[in-house]
Amino acid sequence: MSDALELIPGLVKEIVESQSNVRFDRCHFRSFGDSSFDFETVYYVGSPDYNLYMDAQQAINLAILRTFEERGIEFAYPTQTLFIEQPSALEDE
């Protein structure tokens, strides 16, 4: 698992740098979530046009999904388990 975590910043950097008009700044393993490893990625889009920013963000996110899937790196999905105890017959008396 630690090998995959060490790869992620470099993979993300390659993906961001492959976009035109985008400048990569950093990607770091920032913290531990409740059921995740949290990374922070910063990049700059060289245009104030919001549509261009959204196009770049979408392309980056889709490329991250594709790259992680190819390498078997899974995303954490929030889950919650609820355990319900049935009262025993003795408790009903």
PDB file of N, CA and C in Angstrom:
ATOM      1  N   MET A   1       0.814  -1.187   0.000  1.00  0.00           N
ATOM      2  CA  MET A   1       0.000   0.000   0.000  1.00  0.00           C
ATOM      3  C   MET A   1       0.866   1.263   0.000  1.00  0.00           C
ATOM      4  N   SER A   2       1.922   1.275   0.803  1.00  0.00           N
ATOM      5  CA  SER A   2       2.772   2.468   0.856  1.00  0.00           C
ATOM      6  C   SER A   2       3.432   2.737  -0.494  1.00  0.00           C
ATOM      7  N   ASP A   3       3.698   1.675  -1.269  1.00  0.00           N
ATOM      8  CA  ASP A   3       4.277   1.877  -2.600  1.00  0.00           C
ATOM      9  C   ASP A   3       3.328   2.672  -3.486  1.00  0.00           C
ATOM     10  N   ALA A   4       2.044   2.341  -3.441  1.00  0.00           N
ATOM     11  CA  ALA A   4       1.052   3.065  -4.240  1.00  0.00           C
ATOM     12  C   ALA A   4       0.939   4.508  -3.762  1.00  0.00           C
ATOM     13  N   LEU A   5       0.943   4.712  -2.454  1.00  0.00           N
ATOM     14  CA  LEU A   5       0.850   6.074  -1.924  1.00  0.00           C
ATOM     15  C   LEU A   5       2.039   6.918  -2.365  1.00  0.00           C
ATOM     16  N   GLU A   6       3.209   6.315  -2.427  1.00  0.00           N
ATOM     17  CA  GLU A   6       4.401   7.045  -2.864  1.00  0.00           C
ATOM     18  C   GLU A   6       4.345   7.394  -4.345  1.00  0.00           C
ATOM     19  N   LEU A   7       3.645   6.582  -5.138  1.00  0.00           N
ATOM     20  CA  LEU A   7       3.526   6.828  -6.575  1.00  0.00           C
ATOM     21  C   LEU A   7       2.554   7.952  -6.912  1.00  0.00           C
ATOM     22  N   ILE A   8       1.539   8.128  -6.100  1.00  0.00           N
ATOM     23  CA  ILE A   8       0.438   9.030  -6.446  1.00  0.00           C
ATOM     24  C   ILE A   8       0.887  10.457  -6.772  1.00  0.00           C
ATOM     25  N   PRO A   9       1.711  11.121  -5.965  1.00  0.00           N
ATOM     26  CA  PRO A   9       2.092  12.498  -6.334  1.00  0.00           C
ATOM     27  C   PRO A   9       2.735  12.594  -7.718  1.00  0.00           C
ATOM     28  N   GLY A  10       3.585  11.656  -8.071  1.00  0.00           N
ATOM     29  CA  GLY A  10       4.226  11.669  -9.387  1.00  0.00           C
ATOM     30  C   GLY A  10       3.237  11.420 -10.514  1.00  0.00           C
ATOM     31  N   LEU A  11       2.306  10.492 -10.286  1.00  0.00           N
ATOM     32  CA  LEU A  11       1.284  10.216 -11.297  1.00  0.00           C
ATOM     33  C   LEU A  11       0.421  11.441 -11.537  1.00  0.00           C
ATOM     34  N   VAL A  12       0.006  12.080 -10.450  1.00  0.00           N
ATOM     35  CA  VAL A  12      -0.838  13.268 -10.569  1.00  0.00           C
ATOM     36  C   VAL A  12      -0.065  14.394 -11.260  1.00  0.00           C
ATOM     37  N   LYS A  13       1.201  14.549 -10.920  1.00  0.00           N
ATOM     38  CA  LYS A  13       2.024  15.584 -11.561  1.00  0.00           C
ATOM     39  C   LYS A  13       2.075  15.369 -13.074  1.00  0.00           C
ATOM     40  N   GLU A  14       2.308  14.143 -13.504  1.00  0.00           N
ATOM     41  CA  GLU A  14       2.348  13.833 -14.942  1.00  0.00           C
ATOM     42  C   GLU A  14       1.021  14.165 -15.608  1.00  0.00           C
ATOM     43  N   ILE A  15      -0.066  13.827 -14.951  1.00  0.00           N
ATOM     44  CA  ILE A  15      -1.395  14.076 -15.511  1.00  0.00           C
ATOM     45  C   ILE A  15      -1.641  15.572 -15.646  1.00  0.00           C
ATOM     46  N   VAL A  16      -1.354  16.323 -14.601  1.00  0.00           N
ATOM     47  CA  VAL A  16      -1.593  17.769 -14.639  1.00  0.00           C
ATOM     48  C   VAL A  16      -0.710  18.422 -15.695  1.00  0.00           C
ATOM     49  N   GLU A  17       0.556  18.042 -15.739  1.00  0.00           N
ATOM     50  CA  GLU A  17       1.480  18.645 -16.695  1.00  0.00           C
ATOM     51  C   GLU A  17       1.147  18.298 -18.147  1.00  0.00           C
ATOM     52  N   SER A  18       0.354  17.260 -18.369  1.00  0.00           N
ATOM     53  CA  SER A  18      -0.030  16.892 -19.733  1.00  0.00           C
ATOM     54  C   SER A  18      -1.129  17.798 -20.290  1.00  0.00           C
ATOM     55  N   GLN A  19      -1.726  18.604 -19.439  1.00  0.00           N
ATOM     56  CA  GLN A  19      -2.792  19.523 -19.871  1.00  0.00           C
ATOM     57  C   GLN A  19      -2.187  20.813 -20.406  1.00  0.00           C
ATOM     58  N   SER A  20      -2.757  21.306 -21.477  1.00  0.00           N
ATOM     59  CA  SER A  20      -2.264  22.575 -22.004  1.00  0.00           C
ATOM     60  C   SER A  20      -2.777  23.723 -21.138  1.00  0.00           C
ATOM     61  N   ASN A  21      -1.971  24.741 -21.024  1.00  0.00           N
ATOM     62  CA  ASN A  21      -2.321  25.965 -20.292  1.00  0.00           C
ATOM     63  C   ASN A  21      -2.543  25.722 -18.799  1.00  0.00           C
ATOM     64  N   VAL A  22      -1.894  24.677 -18.252  1.00  0.00           N
ATOM     65  CA  VAL A  22      -2.015  24.359 -16.827  1.00  0.00           C
ATOM     66  C   VAL A  22      -0.600  24.220 -16.260  1.00  0.00           C
ATOM     67  N   ARG A  23      -0.366  24.806 -15.080  1.00  0.00           N
ATOM     68  CA  ARG A  23       0.946  24.717 -14.423  1.00  0.00           C
ATOM     69  C   ARG A  23       0.790  23.971 -13.103  1.00  0.00           C
ATOM     70  N   PHE A  24       1.494  22.869 -12.981  1.00  0.00           N
ATOM     71  CA  PHE A  24       1.490  22.069 -11.759  1.00  0.00           C
ATOM     72  C   PHE A  24       2.279  22.796 -10.681  1.00  0.00           C
ATOM     73  N   ASP A  25       1.761  22.794  -9.446  1.00  0.00           N
ATOM     74  CA  ASP A  25       2.484  23.375  -8.317  1.00  0.00           C
ATOM     75  C   ASP A  25       2.939  22.287  -7.352  1.00  0.00           C
ATOM     76  N   ARG A  26       1.995  21.464  -6.874  1.00  0.00           N
ATOM     77  CA  ARG A  26       2.381  20.437  -5.905  1.00  0.00           C
ATOM     78  C   ARG A  26       1.266  19.393  -5.739  1.00  0.00           C
ATOM     79  N   CYS A  27       1.675  18.235  -5.218  1.00  0.00           N
ATOM     80  CA  CYS A  27       0.746  17.171  -4.824  1.00  0.00           C
ATOM     81  C   CYS A  27       1.392  16.448  -3.649  1.00  0.00           C
ATOM     82  N   HIS A  28       0.696  16.425  -2.513  1.00  0.00           N
ATOM     83  CA  HIS A  28       1.242  15.808  -1.306  1.00  0.00           C
ATOM     84  C   HIS A  28       0.202  14.930  -0.608  1.00  0.00           C
ATOM     85  N   PHE A  29       0.718  13.877   0.022  1.00  0.00           N
ATOM     86  CA  PHE A  29      -0.098  13.057   0.923  1.00  0.00           C
ATOM     87  C   PHE A  29      -0.271  13.911   2.172  1.00  0.00           C
ATOM     88  N   ARG A  30      -1.462  14.466   2.338  1.00  0.00           N
ATOM     89  CA  ARG A  30      -1.702  15.480   3.358  1.00  0.00           C
ATOM     90  C   ARG A  30      -2.099  14.915   4.709  1.00  0.00           C
ATOM     91  N   SER A  31      -3.017  13.934   4.705  1.00  0.00           N
ATOM     92  CA  SER A  31      -3.533  13.471   5.990  1.00  0.00           C
ATOM     93  C   SER A  31      -4.251  12.135   5.843  1.00  0.00           C
ATOM     94  N   PHE A  32      -4.634  11.600   6.996  1.00  0.00           N
ATOM     95  CA  PHE A  32      -5.438  10.383   7.064  1.00  0.00           C
ATOM     96  C   PHE A  32      -6.875  10.796   7.317  1.00  0.00           C
ATOM     97  N   GLY A  33      -7.803  10.338   6.462  1.00  0.00           N
ATOM     98  CA  GLY A  33      -9.219  10.560   6.694  1.00  0.00           C
ATOM     99  C   GLY A  33      -9.783   9.406   7.496  1.00  0.00           C
ATOM    100  N   ASP A  34     -11.087   9.444   7.777  1.00  0.00           N
ATOM    101  CA  ASP A  34     -11.724   8.361   8.528  1.00  0.00           C
ATOM    102  C   ASP A  34     -11.542   7.018   7.830  1.00  0.00           C
ATOM    103  N   SER A  35     -11.662   7.024   6.508  1.00  0.00           N
ATOM    104  CA  SER A  35     -11.465   5.782   5.756  1.00  0.00           C
ATOM    105  C   SER A  35     -10.738   6.079   4.447  1.00  0.00           C
ATOM    106  N   SER A  36      -9.794   7.018   4.498  1.00  0.00           N
ATOM    107  CA  SER A  36      -9.106   7.416   3.274  1.00  0.00           C
ATOM    108  C   SER A  36      -7.716   7.960   3.577  1.00  0.00           C
ATOM    109  N   PHE A  37      -6.930   8.055   2.522  1.00  0.00           N
ATOM    110  CA  PHE A  37      -5.658   8.762   2.543  1.00  0.00           C
ATOM    111  C   PHE A  37      -5.899  10.023   1.718  1.00  0.00           C
ATOM    112  N   ASP A  38      -5.714  11.185   2.301  1.00  0.00           N
ATOM    113  CA  ASP A  38      -6.070  12.438   1.646  1.00  0.00           C
ATOM    114  C   ASP A  38      -4.845  13.109   1.034  1.00  0.00           C
ATOM    115  N   PHE A  39      -4.971  13.441  -0.242  1.00  0.00           N
ATOM    116  CA  PHE A  39      -3.923  14.138  -0.970  1.00  0.00           C
ATOM    117  C   PHE A  39      -4.405  15.537  -1.310  1.00  0.00           C
ATOM    118  N   GLU A  40      -3.461  16.469  -1.355  1.00  0.00           N
ATOM    119  CA  GLU A  40      -3.767  17.834  -1.777  1.00  0.00           C
ATOM    120  C   GLU A  40      -2.968  18.119  -3.037  1.00  0.00           C
ATOM    121  N   THR A  41      -3.660  18.550  -4.072  1.00  0.00           N
ATOM    122  CA  THR A  41      -3.027  18.877  -5.343  1.00  0.00           C
ATOM    123  C   THR A  41      -3.340  20.321  -5.685  1.00  0.00           C
ATOM    124  N   VAL A  42      -2.318  21.053  -6.104  1.00  0.00           N
ATOM    125  CA  VAL A  42      -2.499  22.454  -6.493  1.00  0.00           C
ATOM    126  C   VAL A  42      -1.937  22.627  -7.895  1.00  0.00           C
ATOM    127  N   TYR A  43      -2.730  23.242  -8.754  1.00  0.00           N
ATOM    128  CA  TYR A  43      -2.280  23.600 -10.088  1.00  0.00           C
ATOM    129  C   TYR A  43      -2.970  24.897 -10.493  1.00  0.00           C
ATOM    130  N   TYR A  44      -2.364  25.572 -11.466  1.00  0.00           N
ATOM    131  CA  TYR A  44      -2.882  26.860 -11.926  1.00  0.00           C
ATOM    132  C   TYR A  44      -3.260  26.760 -13.390  1.00  0.00           C
ATOM    133  N   VAL A  45      -4.422  27.290 -13.718  1.00  0.00           N
ATOM    134  CA  VAL A  45      -4.872  27.360 -15.100  1.00  0.00           C
ATOM    135  C   VAL A  45      -4.532  28.758 -15.603  1.00  0.00           C
ATOM    136  N   GLY A  46      -3.881  28.825 -16.753  1.00  0.00           N
ATOM    137  CA  GLY A  46      -3.368  30.089 -17.272  1.00  0.00           C
ATOM    138  C   GLY A  46      -4.398  30.965 -17.951  1.00  0.00           C
ATOM    139  N   SER A  47      -5.644  30.851 -17.554  1.00  0.00           N
ATOM    140  CA  SER A  47      -6.698  31.688 -18.119  1.00  0.00           C
ATOM    141  C   SER A  47      -7.765  31.905 -17.056  1.00  0.00           C
ATOM    142  N   PRO A  48      -8.347  33.103 -17.023  1.00  0.00           N
ATOM    143  CA  PRO A  48      -9.420  33.349 -16.058  1.00  0.00           C
ATOM    144  C   PRO A  48     -10.778  32.806 -16.525  1.00  0.00           C
ATOM    145  N   ASP A  49     -10.823  32.214 -17.713  1.00  0.00           N
ATOM    146  CA  ASP A  49     -12.077  31.687 -18.262  1.00  0.00           C
ATOM    147  C   ASP A  49     -12.508  30.453 -17.455  1.00  0.00           C
ATOM    148  N   TYR A  50     -13.657  30.552 -16.805  1.00  0.00           N
ATOM    149  CA  TYR A  50     -14.125  29.465 -15.938  1.00  0.00           C
ATOM    150  C   TYR A  50     -14.365  28.180 -16.719  1.00  0.00           C
ATOM    151  N   ASN A  51     -14.853  28.280 -17.933  1.00  0.00           N
ATOM    152  CA  ASN A  51     -15.088  27.078 -18.736  1.00  0.00           C
ATOM    153  C   ASN A  51     -13.784  26.353 -19.041  1.00  0.00           C
ATOM    154  N   LEU A  52     -12.719  27.099 -19.324  1.00  0.00           N
ATOM    155  CA  LEU A  52     -11.417  26.463 -19.551  1.00  0.00           C
ATOM    156  C   LEU A  52     -10.911  25.788 -18.280  1.00  0.00           C
ATOM    157  N   TYR A  53     -11.126  26.446 -17.148  1.00  0.00           N
ATOM    158  CA  TYR A  53     -10.740  25.840 -15.865  1.00  0.00           C
ATOM    159  C   TYR A  53     -11.496  24.530 -15.653  1.00  0.00           C
ATOM    160  N   MET A  54     -12.816  24.553 -15.874  1.00  0.00           N
ATOM    161  CA  MET A  54     -13.614  23.342 -15.669  1.00  0.00           C
ATOM    162  C   MET A  54     -13.230  22.240 -16.650  1.00  0.00           C
ATOM    163  N   ASP A  55     -12.914  22.606 -17.894  1.00  0.00           N
ATOM    164  CA  ASP A  55     -12.456  21.608 -18.865  1.00  0.00           C
ATOM    165  C   ASP A  55     -11.161  20.947 -18.385  1.00  0.00           C
ATOM    166  N   ALA A  56     -10.232  21.773 -17.888  1.00  0.00           N
ATOM    167  CA  ALA A  56      -8.962  21.229 -17.388  1.00  0.00           C
ATOM    168  C   ALA A  56      -9.199  20.348 -16.166  1.00  0.00           C
ATOM    169  N   GLN A  57     -10.030  20.805 -15.248  1.00  0.00           N
ATOM    170  CA  GLN A  57     -10.295  20.030 -14.036  1.00  0.00           C
ATOM    171  C   GLN A  57     -10.932  18.692 -14.380  1.00  0.00           C
ATOM    172  N   GLN A  58     -11.885  18.698 -15.289  1.00  0.00           N
ATOM    173  CA  GLN A  58     -12.532  17.449 -15.696  1.00  0.00           C
ATOM    174  C   GLN A  58     -11.531  16.498 -16.351  1.00  0.00           C
ATOM    175  N   ALA A  59     -10.711  17.019 -17.239  1.00  0.00           N
ATOM    176  CA  ALA A  59      -9.716  16.178 -17.912  1.00  0.00           C
ATOM    177  C   ALA A  59      -8.738  15.581 -16.904  1.00  0.00           C
ATOM    178  N   ILE A  60      -8.318  16.374 -15.948  1.00  0.00           N
ATOM    179  CA  ILE A  60      -7.390  15.893 -14.914  1.00  0.00           C
ATOM    180  C   ILE A  60      -8.057  14.825 -14.062  1.00  0.00           C
ATOM    181  N   ASN A  61      -9.275  15.082 -13.607  1.00  0.00           N
ATOM    182  CA  ASN A  61      -9.974  14.106 -12.759  1.00  0.00           C
ATOM    183  C   ASN A  61     -10.225  12.794 -13.494  1.00  0.00           C
ATOM    184  N   LEU A  62     -10.642  12.868 -14.751  1.00  0.00           N
ATOM    185  CA  LEU A  62     -10.873  11.643 -15.518  1.00  0.00           C
ATOM    186  C   LEU A  62      -9.574  10.877 -15.752  1.00  0.00           C
ATOM    187  N   ALA A  63      -8.496  11.604 -16.001  1.00  0.00           N
ATOM    188  CA  ALA A  63      -7.207  10.943 -16.194  1.00  0.00           C
ATOM    189  C   ALA A  63      -6.726  10.293 -14.900  1.00  0.00           C
ATOM    190  N   ILE A  64      -6.971  10.930 -13.766  1.00  0.00           N
ATOM    191  CA  ILE A  64      -6.619  10.326 -12.479  1.00  0.00           C
ATOM    192  C   ILE A  64      -7.409   9.040 -12.282  1.00  0.00           C
ATOM    193  N   LEU A  65      -8.701   9.078 -12.527  1.00  0.00           N
ATOM    194  CA  LEU A  65      -9.529   7.865 -12.399  1.00  0.00           C
ATOM    195  C   LEU A  65      -9.007   6.749 -13.294  1.00  0.00           C
ATOM    196  N   ARG A  66      -8.727   7.080 -14.543  1.00  0.00           N
ATOM    197  CA  ARG A  66      -8.258   6.080 -15.508  1.00  0.00           C
ATOM    198  C   ARG A  66      -6.905   5.507 -15.071  1.00  0.00           C
ATOM    199  N   THR A  67      -5.987   6.376 -14.690  1.00  0.00           N
ATOM    200  CA  THR A  67      -4.648   5.935 -14.284  1.00  0.00           C
ATOM    201  C   THR A  67      -4.696   5.068 -13.036  1.00  0.00           C
ATOM    202  N   PHE A  68      -5.489   5.490 -12.057  1.00  0.00           N
ATOM    203  CA  PHE A  68      -5.605   4.703 -10.826  1.00  0.00           C
ATOM    204  C   PHE A  68      -6.232   3.346 -11.122  1.00  0.00           C
ATOM    205  N   GLU A  69      -7.253   3.328 -11.961  1.00  0.00           N
ATOM    206  CA  GLU A  69      -7.903   2.058 -12.309  1.00  0.00           C
ATOM    207  C   GLU A  69      -6.911   1.117 -12.977  1.00  0.00           C
ATOM    208  N   GLU A  70      -6.099   1.649 -13.903  1.00  0.00           N
ATOM    209  CA  GLU A  70      -5.100   0.827 -14.599  1.00  0.00           C
ATOM    210  C   GLU A  70      -4.073   0.245 -13.630  1.00  0.00           C
ATOM    211  N   ARG A  71      -3.778   0.958 -12.549  1.00  0.00           N
ATOM    212  CA  ARG A  71      -2.761   0.523 -11.590  1.00  0.00           C
ATOM    213  C   ARG A  71      -3.362  -0.184 -10.372  1.00  0.00           C
ATOM    214  N   GLY A  72      -4.675  -0.349 -10.354  1.00  0.00           N
ATOM    215  CA  GLY A  72      -5.318  -1.038  -9.241  1.00  0.00           C
ATOM    216  C   GLY A  72      -5.388  -0.218  -7.971  1.00  0.00           C
ATOM    217  N   ILE A  73      -5.286   1.102  -8.087  1.00  0.00           N
ATOM    218  CA  ILE A  73      -5.397   1.982  -6.919  1.00  0.00           C
ATOM    219  C   ILE A  73      -6.869   2.336  -6.755  1.00  0.00           C
ATOM    220  N   GLU A  74      -7.423   1.989  -5.606  1.00  0.00           N
ATOM    221  CA  GLU A  74      -8.857   2.189  -5.378  1.00  0.00           C
ATOM    222  C   GLU A  74      -9.118   3.433  -4.539  1.00  0.00           C
ATOM    223  N   PHE A  75     -10.265   4.036  -4.795  1.00  0.00           N
ATOM    224  CA  PHE A  75     -10.715   5.175  -4.008  1.00  0.00           C
ATOM    225  C   PHE A  75     -11.555   4.672  -2.838  1.00  0.00           C
ATOM    226  N   ALA A  76     -11.484   5.379  -1.728  1.00  0.00           N
ATOM    227  CA  ALA A  76     -12.316   5.041  -0.573  1.00  0.00           C
ATOM    228  C   ALA A  76     -13.700   5.644  -0.772  1.00  0.00           C
ATOM    229  N   TYR A  77     -14.699   4.861  -0.501  1.00  0.00           N
ATOM    230  CA  TYR A  77     -16.067   5.353  -0.550  1.00  0.00           C
ATOM    231  C   TYR A  77     -16.611   5.331   0.865  1.00  0.00           C
ATOM    232  N   PRO A  78     -17.196   6.443   1.295  1.00  0.00           N
ATOM    233  CA  PRO A  78     -17.706   6.484   2.677  1.00  0.00           C
ATOM    234  C   PRO A  78     -18.774   5.408   2.889  1.00  0.00           C
ATOM    235  N   THR A  79     -18.603   4.648   3.934  1.00  0.00           N
ATOM    236  CA  THR A  79     -19.593   3.635   4.291  1.00  0.00           C
ATOM    237  C   THR A  79     -19.842   3.708   5.780  1.00  0.00           C
ATOM    238  N   GLN A  80     -20.975   3.200   6.159  1.00  0.00           N
ATOM    239  CA  GLN A  80     -21.305   3.148   7.576  1.00  0.00           C
ATOM    240  C   GLN A  80     -22.026   1.834   7.821  1.00  0.00           C
ATOM    241  N   THR A  81     -21.652   1.160   8.880  1.00  0.00           N
ATOM    242  CA  THR A  81     -22.285  -0.099   9.239  1.00  0.00           C
ATOM    243  C   THR A  81     -23.041   0.095  10.535  1.00  0.00           C
ATOM    244  N   LEU A  82     -24.269  -0.348  10.544  1.00  0.00           N
ATOM    245  CA  LEU A  82     -25.112  -0.237  11.723  1.00  0.00           C
ATOM    246  C   LEU A  82     -25.411  -1.649  12.221  1.00  0.00           C
ATOM    247  N   PHE A  83     -25.071  -1.917  13.471  1.00  0.00           N
ATOM    248  CA  PHE A  83     -25.338  -3.210  14.080  1.00  0.00           C
ATOM    249  C   PHE A  83     -26.553  -3.061  14.989  1.00  0.00           C
ATOM    250  N   ILE A  84     -27.545  -3.913  14.776  1.00  0.00           N
ATOM    251  CA  ILE A  84     -28.760  -3.876  15.580  1.00  0.00           C
ATOM    252  C   ILE A  84     -28.833  -5.160  16.385  1.00  0.00           C
ATOM    253  N   GLU A  85     -28.937  -5.007  17.695  1.00  0.00           N
ATOM    254  CA  GLU A  85     -29.054  -6.164  18.571  1.00  0.00           C
ATOM    255  C   GLU A  85     -30.519  -6.437  18.849  1.00  0.00           C
ATOM    256  N   GLN A  86     -30.866  -7.690  18.727  1.00  0.00           N
ATOM    257  CA  GLN A  86     -32.218  -8.097  19.077  1.00  0.00           C
ATOM    258  C   GLN A  86     -32.253  -8.389  20.573  1.00  0.00           C
ATOM    259  N   PRO A  87     -33.237  -7.844  21.294  1.00  0.00           N
ATOM    260  CA  PRO A  87     -33.297  -8.155  22.729  1.00  0.00           C
ATOM    261  C   PRO A  87     -33.554  -9.655  22.922  1.00  0.00           C
ATOM    262  N   SER A  88     -32.904 -10.204  23.918  1.00  0.00           N
ATOM    263  CA  SER A  88     -33.101 -11.620  24.192  1.00  0.00           C
ATOM    264  C   SER A  88     -34.443 -11.814  24.899  1.00  0.00           C
ATOM    265  N   ALA A  89     -34.901 -13.044  24.950  1.00  0.00           N
ATOM    266  CA  ALA A  89     -36.167 -13.368  25.585  1.00  0.00           C
ATOM    267  C   ALA A  89     -36.153 -12.992  27.064  1.00  0.00           C
ATOM    268  N   LEU A  90     -35.004 -13.097  27.738  1.00  0.00           N
ATOM    269  CA  LEU A  90     -34.915 -12.775  29.156  1.00  0.00           C
ATOM    270  C   LEU A  90     -35.120 -11.262  29.403  1.00  0.00           C
ATOM    271  N   GLU A  91     -34.690 -10.435  28.455  1.00  0.00           N
ATOM    272  CA  GLU A  91     -34.825  -8.987  28.641  1.00  0.00           C
ATOM    273  C   GLU A  91     -36.296  -8.548  28.540  1.00  0.00           C
ATOM    274  N   ASP A  92     -37.139  -9.348  27.881  1.00  0.00           N
ATOM    275  CA  ASP A  92     -38.532  -8.984  27.716  1.00  0.00           C
ATOM    276  C   ASP A  92     -39.341  -9.250  28.987  1.00  0.00           C
ATOM    277  N   GLU A  93     -38.804 -10.022  29.904  1.00  0.00           N
ATOM    278  CA  GLU A  93     -39.555 -10.374  31.123  1.00  0.00           C
ATOM    279  C   GLU A  93     -39.398  -9.350  32.195  1.00  0.00           C
TER     280      GLU A  93
END
